[in-house]
Amino acid sequence: MALLDVKGSVNVHDPEIVKENGVYYRFSTGQGIAVAKSVDLKTWEDCQPVFKENPLWTSKAIPGSTWFWAPDITFHEGEWRLYYSVSTFGSQKSAIGLCVNKTLDQSSPDFGWKDLGCVLQSDQTCAYNAIDPAVFSDFDGEADYLLFGSFWGGLFAVPLTKEGFVVKDAPVTNIATRNTQPNPVEGGFVFKHQDFYYLFASYDFCCRGTASTYHIVCGRSDKPLGPYLDMFGKPFLEGGGDTLRDSFSFDRWAGPGHNSVFRDDDGKIYLVYHAYDRSDDGKSVLQIEELFFEDGFPSVKE
């Protein structure tokens, strides 16, 4: 099987993995933003969270916010940029924050997170919900985009400045929606491979333990802002998407979702996500699975 043998039952939600100087770092939802490290993707050691105390702006902008959700991290312009979600469950009053660091090595004298505040905010007057950030660049490296969104209008993208902030008065482009009420699409992630941009998203409902109906879908486009189509040509703006991983893929795991994609130094590509363990009272567990591209679309192997 292509599913990695992660040692122990690693409790995690909304995971994303990057690598620096031979060490893997995992960021995920949690108090202060959860961080862990590994040298083999299998055995993980918890690190200090990004924040010891929540930045003051977060509670002022979003009263009642506590844990920060679904962080996204990229290395850009000589620094690590970490975007994070500030919200309360089921609310459209949300925000995305940005913090930066020169290194992820907590033993380095250069280590230290600097919070730069809010980059995007939403309320009930918006077409979107400002959570679940994911940054990607075009193939030419001339433009960066912030992908975001959950329920409401679905997934959206907006251009970023070189400093990582949303371009003032820039158009916000709808990337994916199911055109239903509710509109359960979230956790968007764009991965560039060969000649295409691949959009991954999570459909249906998470956070219900083994009753979760979350599942991962994917499609592609030759343009960063779409249109994204599944292998049958159905647009993501019409609820399209090829199911990549669902609750019926394994007997043990329910509700797989909120994935990211990671390319290792050896060229192997991994799908990183969480799923709920039917053998452990619905615990949310880290999954790392090798991803293959065959006939122009991604696949996982049983």
Protein backbone atom coordinates (compact mmCIF):
# COMPACT_ATOMS: atom_id res chain seq x y z
CA MET A 1 0.00 0.00 0.00
CA ALA A 2 1.10 3.57 -0.63
CA LEU A 3 -0.11 4.82 2.76
CA LEU A 4 2.93 5.56 4.94
CA ASP A 5 3.28 3.73 8.23
CA VAL A 6 3.13 6.76 10.52
CA LYS A 7 4.30 5.59 13.94
CA GLY A 8 1.60 5.73 16.58
CA SER A 9 -1.75 7.41 16.17
CA VAL A 10 -0.83 11.03 15.47
CA ASN A 11 -3.77 13.23 16.42
CA VAL A 12 -3.91 16.07 13.90
CA HIS A 13 -6.35 18.20 11.92
CA ASP A 14 -5.73 20.08 8.64
CA PRO A 15 -2.04 19.08 8.26
CA GLU A 16 0.54 20.57 5.93
CA ILE A 17 4.19 19.48 5.59
CA VAL A 18 7.28 21.35 4.38
CA LYS A 19 10.99 20.53 4.53
CA GLU A 20 14.03 22.53 5.59
CA ASN A 21 17.63 21.24 5.81
CA GLY A 22 16.57 17.59 5.77
CA VAL A 23 13.90 17.97 8.45
CA TYR A 24 10.15 17.73 7.81
CA TYR A 25 7.92 20.19 9.65
CA ARG A 26 4.19 19.67 10.07
CA PHE A 27 1.79 22.53 10.78
CA SER A 28 -1.84 21.98 11.74
CA THR A 29 -4.89 23.35 13.52
CA GLY A 30 -4.32 23.87 17.24
CA GLN A 31 -3.78 26.24 20.11
CA GLY A 32 -1.21 28.75 18.87
CA ILE A 33 -0.87 26.66 15.66
CA ALA A 34 0.49 23.16 16.25
CA VAL A 35 3.98 22.25 14.98
CA ALA A 36 5.85 18.93 14.84
CA LYS A 37 9.04 17.69 13.15
CA SER A 38 10.33 14.43 11.71
CA VAL A 39 13.33 13.09 9.80
CA ASP A 40 11.44 10.27 8.06
CA LEU A 41 7.75 11.34 7.83
CA LYS A 42 6.90 8.46 10.16
CA THR A 43 8.01 9.38 13.69
CA TRP A 44 6.94 12.87 14.78
CA GLU A 45 8.14 15.04 17.66
CA ASP A 46 5.99 17.90 18.90
CA CYS A 47 7.57 21.36 18.85
CA GLN A 48 6.58 24.60 20.50
CA PRO A 49 3.52 26.13 18.81
CA VAL A 50 3.91 29.17 16.59
CA PHE A 51 2.31 31.50 19.16
CA LYS A 52 2.67 31.33 22.93
CA GLU A 53 -0.16 33.88 23.12
CA ASN A 54 -2.63 34.75 20.42
CA PRO A 55 -1.88 38.05 18.64
CA LEU A 56 -4.05 40.81 20.09
CA TRP A 57 -5.69 41.67 16.79
CA THR A 58 -7.29 38.23 16.50
CA SER A 59 -9.64 38.53 19.50
CA LYS A 60 -10.53 42.10 18.57
CA ALA A 61 -11.36 41.20 14.97
CA ILE A 62 -13.01 37.86 15.75
CA PRO A 63 -14.41 37.76 19.32
CA GLY A 64 -14.49 34.25 20.70
CA SER A 65 -11.69 32.94 18.50
CA THR A 66 -9.27 30.59 20.29
CA TRP A 67 -7.47 27.95 18.23
CA PHE A 68 -6.18 28.93 14.80
CA TRP A 69 -7.24 26.65 11.98
CA ALA A 70 -5.81 25.24 8.78
CA PRO A 71 -2.39 26.92 8.52
CA ASP A 72 -0.60 27.14 5.18
CA ILE A 73 3.16 27.63 4.92
CA THR A 74 5.41 28.46 1.96
CA PHE A 75 8.97 29.70 1.51
CA HIS A 76 8.99 32.94 -0.45
CA GLU A 77 11.26 35.95 -0.86
CA GLY A 78 13.80 34.48 1.58
CA GLU A 79 11.35 33.80 4.41
CA TRP A 80 8.78 31.29 5.59
CA ARG A 81 5.28 32.72 5.33
CA LEU A 82 2.56 31.12 7.41
CA TYR A 83 -1.08 32.03 6.86
CA TYR A 84 -3.70 30.99 9.41
CA SER A 85 -7.48 31.09 9.92
CA VAL A 86 -9.17 33.03 12.71
CA SER A 87 -12.85 32.23 13.16
CA THR A 88 -15.49 30.52 15.27
CA PHE A 89 -17.29 27.37 14.17
CA GLY A 90 -19.97 27.93 11.54
CA SER A 91 -19.41 31.69 11.32
CA GLN A 92 -18.72 33.85 8.28
CA LYS A 93 -17.09 36.50 10.50
CA SER A 94 -13.55 35.31 9.89
CA ALA A 95 -10.03 36.47 9.09
CA ILE A 96 -6.75 35.22 7.69
CA GLY A 97 -3.51 36.27 9.38
CA LEU A 98 0.12 36.16 8.28
CA CYS A 99 3.32 35.59 10.25
CA VAL A 100 6.89 35.13 9.00
CA ASN A 101 10.12 33.48 10.08
CA LYS A 102 13.63 33.12 8.64
CA THR A 103 13.93 29.46 9.66
CA LEU A 104 11.84 26.63 11.10
CA ASP A 105 14.71 25.32 13.23
CA GLN A 106 13.78 26.34 16.77
CA SER A 107 17.41 25.94 17.91
CA SER A 108 18.66 28.52 15.41
CA PRO A 109 19.50 32.06 16.58
CA ASP A 110 17.59 33.28 13.51
CA PHE A 111 14.38 31.58 14.63
CA GLY A 112 11.44 33.73 15.67
CA TRP A 113 7.92 34.22 14.38
CA LYS A 114 6.82 37.77 13.58
CA ASP A 115 3.11 38.33 13.19
CA LEU A 116 2.14 40.78 10.45
CA GLY A 117 -1.57 40.88 11.23
CA CYS A 118 -4.67 40.42 9.12
CA VAL A 119 -4.50 40.07 5.33
CA LEU A 120 -8.18 39.30 4.61
CA GLN A 121 -11.43 39.48 6.53
CA SER A 122 -15.05 38.52 5.89
CA ASP A 123 -18.50 38.97 7.39
CA GLN A 124 -22.09 38.26 6.40
CA THR A 125 -21.95 40.90 3.64
CA CYS A 126 -19.29 38.95 1.72
CA ALA A 127 -19.73 36.24 -0.89
CA TYR A 128 -16.98 34.24 0.81
CA ASN A 129 -15.65 33.05 4.16
CA ALA A 130 -12.06 34.13 4.87
CA ILE A 131 -10.61 30.87 6.19
CA ASP A 132 -8.58 27.90 4.89
CA PRO A 133 -5.74 29.85 3.23
CA ALA A 134 -3.44 28.24 0.67
CA VAL A 135 -0.87 30.19 -1.35
CA PHE A 136 0.34 29.25 -4.82
CA SER A 137 2.29 30.90 -7.66
CA ASP A 138 1.92 30.81 -11.40
CA PHE A 139 4.42 28.85 -13.47
CA ASP A 140 6.31 32.01 -14.43
CA GLY A 141 6.75 33.04 -10.82
CA GLU A 142 5.35 36.45 -11.66
CA ALA A 143 2.14 36.25 -9.65
CA ASP A 144 1.13 34.80 -6.29
CA TYR A 145 -2.40 33.97 -5.25
CA LEU A 146 -4.19 33.35 -1.98
CA LEU A 147 -6.73 30.54 -2.31
CA PHE A 148 -9.32 30.48 0.47
CA GLY A 149 -12.94 29.80 1.35
CA SER A 150 -15.33 27.48 3.12
CA PHE A 151 -19.04 26.93 2.50
CA TRP A 152 -20.95 30.11 1.48
CA GLY A 153 -19.70 30.89 -2.06
CA GLY A 154 -17.07 28.12 -2.04
CA LEU A 155 -13.40 28.64 -2.94
CA PHE A 156 -11.96 31.96 -4.11
CA ALA A 157 -8.56 33.32 -5.15
CA VAL A 158 -7.08 36.81 -4.92
CA PRO A 159 -3.62 38.08 -6.00
CA LEU A 160 -0.92 38.86 -3.45
CA THR A 161 1.80 41.49 -3.33
CA LYS A 162 5.46 40.44 -3.17
CA GLU A 163 5.24 41.09 0.58
CA GLY A 164 2.43 38.55 0.93
CA PHE A 165 -0.55 40.84 1.40
CA VAL A 166 -3.73 40.96 -0.66
CA VAL A 167 -3.45 43.41 -3.56
CA LYS A 168 -5.63 46.42 -2.75
CA ASP A 169 -8.95 46.47 -4.66
CA ALA A 170 -7.94 43.34 -6.60
CA PRO A 171 -10.75 41.21 -8.04
CA VAL A 172 -11.68 38.10 -6.07
CA THR A 173 -12.21 35.10 -8.38
CA ASN A 174 -14.59 32.27 -7.57
CA ILE A 175 -12.72 28.98 -8.21
CA ALA A 176 -15.12 26.31 -6.98
CA THR A 177 -18.70 26.04 -5.78
CA ARG A 178 -21.35 23.33 -5.61
CA ASN A 179 -24.22 25.82 -5.97
CA THR A 180 -26.14 24.27 -3.09
CA GLN A 181 -27.36 25.39 0.33
CA PRO A 182 -25.37 24.64 2.35
CA ASN A 183 -22.35 24.70 0.04
CA PRO A 184 -19.92 22.18 1.59
CA VAL A 185 -16.65 22.85 -0.21
CA GLU A 186 -13.49 23.96 1.62
CA GLY A 187 -9.83 23.20 2.25
CA GLY A 188 -8.66 24.19 -1.23
CA PHE A 189 -5.06 23.53 -2.28
CA VAL A 190 -3.37 24.14 -5.66
CA PHE A 191 -0.36 22.04 -6.67
CA LYS A 192 1.64 22.68 -9.84
CA HIS A 193 2.75 19.61 -11.80
CA GLN A 194 4.08 19.45 -15.34
CA ASP A 195 1.79 21.65 -17.45
CA PHE A 196 -1.17 21.95 -15.11
CA TYR A 197 -2.42 23.49 -11.91
CA TYR A 198 -4.21 20.84 -9.85
CA LEU A 199 -6.96 21.94 -7.48
CA PHE A 200 -7.70 19.74 -4.47
CA ALA A 201 -10.71 20.39 -2.25
CA SER A 202 -12.69 18.76 0.54
CA TYR A 203 -16.40 18.19 -0.05
CA ASP A 204 -19.15 17.58 2.50
CA PHE A 205 -18.83 17.61 6.29
CA CYS A 206 -15.90 17.22 8.69
CA CYS A 207 -15.54 17.30 12.48
CA ARG A 208 -18.18 14.63 13.16
CA GLY A 209 -15.85 11.77 13.99
CA THR A 210 -16.72 8.57 12.15
CA ALA A 211 -19.96 10.20 10.95
CA SER A 212 -17.91 12.68 8.91
CA THR A 213 -18.67 12.64 5.19
CA TYR A 214 -15.58 14.60 4.16
CA HIS A 215 -13.89 13.43 0.97
CA ILE A 216 -11.08 14.73 -1.25
CA VAL A 217 -11.73 15.73 -4.85
CA CYS A 218 -9.41 17.03 -7.56
CA GLY A 219 -9.36 18.63 -10.98
CA ARG A 220 -6.99 20.64 -13.13
CA SER A 221 -6.54 23.75 -15.27
CA ASP A 222 -3.87 25.19 -17.53
CA LYS A 223 -4.46 28.61 -15.95
CA PRO A 224 -3.94 29.50 -12.27
CA LEU A 225 -7.43 30.95 -11.84
CA GLY A 226 -9.17 28.26 -13.84
CA PRO A 227 -11.53 27.13 -15.04
CA TYR A 228 -10.75 23.89 -13.19
CA LEU A 229 -12.27 20.73 -14.66
CA ASP A 230 -12.43 17.12 -13.56
CA MET A 231 -11.47 14.28 -15.91
CA PHE A 232 -15.00 14.22 -17.34
CA GLY A 233 -14.84 17.94 -18.13
CA LYS A 234 -17.23 19.07 -15.41
CA PRO A 235 -16.23 22.49 -14.03
CA PHE A 236 -15.54 23.01 -10.34
CA LEU A 237 -17.86 26.02 -10.62
CA GLU A 238 -20.64 23.48 -11.24
CA GLY A 239 -19.71 21.08 -8.45
CA GLY A 240 -17.19 19.07 -10.46
CA GLY A 241 -14.31 17.10 -9.01
CA ASP A 242 -12.90 13.58 -9.24
CA THR A 243 -13.09 11.74 -5.92
CA LEU A 244 -9.54 10.95 -4.87
CA ARG A 245 -10.10 9.60 -1.38
CA ASP A 246 -13.36 8.96 0.50
CA SER A 247 -14.75 7.17 3.53
CA PHE A 248 -15.07 3.93 1.63
CA SER A 249 -11.42 3.77 0.57
CA PHE A 250 -10.41 1.95 3.74
CA ASP A 251 -12.56 0.09 6.26
CA ARG A 252 -10.80 1.81 9.14
CA TRP A 253 -10.80 5.46 8.07
CA ALA A 254 -13.77 7.81 7.79
CA GLY A 255 -14.04 11.36 6.48
CA PRO A 256 -10.61 11.86 4.85
CA GLY A 257 -10.06 15.51 4.02
CA HIS A 258 -8.46 18.91 4.27
CA ASN A 259 -5.41 17.82 2.36
CA SER A 260 -2.21 19.45 1.22
CA VAL A 261 0.33 18.11 -1.28
CA PHE A 262 4.08 17.88 -0.70
CA ARG A 263 6.89 17.16 -3.17
CA ASP A 264 9.98 15.67 -1.51
CA ASP A 265 13.60 16.14 -2.59
CA ASP A 266 13.62 12.75 -4.33
CA GLY A 267 10.66 13.75 -6.51
CA LYS A 268 8.06 11.67 -4.65
CA ILE A 269 4.76 13.45 -4.15
CA TYR A 270 2.64 12.95 -1.04
CA LEU A 271 -0.99 13.59 -0.24
CA VAL A 272 -1.22 14.78 3.38
CA TYR A 273 -4.58 14.81 5.17
CA HIS A 274 -6.50 13.74 8.24
CA ALA A 275 -9.08 10.98 8.64
CA TYR A 276 -11.19 9.70 11.53
CA ASP A 277 -10.24 6.36 13.05
CA ARG A 278 -13.16 3.93 13.38
CA SER A 279 -10.98 1.74 15.63
CA ASP A 280 -10.21 4.58 18.08
CA ASP A 281 -13.47 6.35 18.85
CA GLY A 282 -13.27 8.61 15.80
CA LYS A 283 -9.90 10.18 16.60
CA SER A 284 -8.58 12.50 13.87
CA VAL A 285 -5.32 10.98 12.62
CA LEU A 286 -2.50 12.06 10.29
CA GLN A 287 -2.40 10.32 6.91
CA ILE A 288 0.52 10.55 4.45
CA GLU A 289 0.04 8.78 1.16
CA GLU A 290 2.10 8.70 -2.01
CA LEU A 291 0.39 10.47 -4.89
CA PHE A 292 0.82 9.41 -8.51
CA PHE A 293 -0.01 11.24 -11.72
CA GLU A 294 -1.26 8.93 -14.43
CA ASP A 295 -2.86 10.07 -17.68
CA GLY A 296 -2.68 13.65 -16.49
CA PHE A 297 -4.67 13.24 -13.26
CA PRO A 298 -3.64 12.33 -9.71
CA SER A 299 -4.37 8.97 -8.15
CA VAL A 300 -3.62 6.97 -5.01
CA LYS A 301 -3.05 3.22 -4.95
CA GLU A 302 -4.81 0.80 -2.64
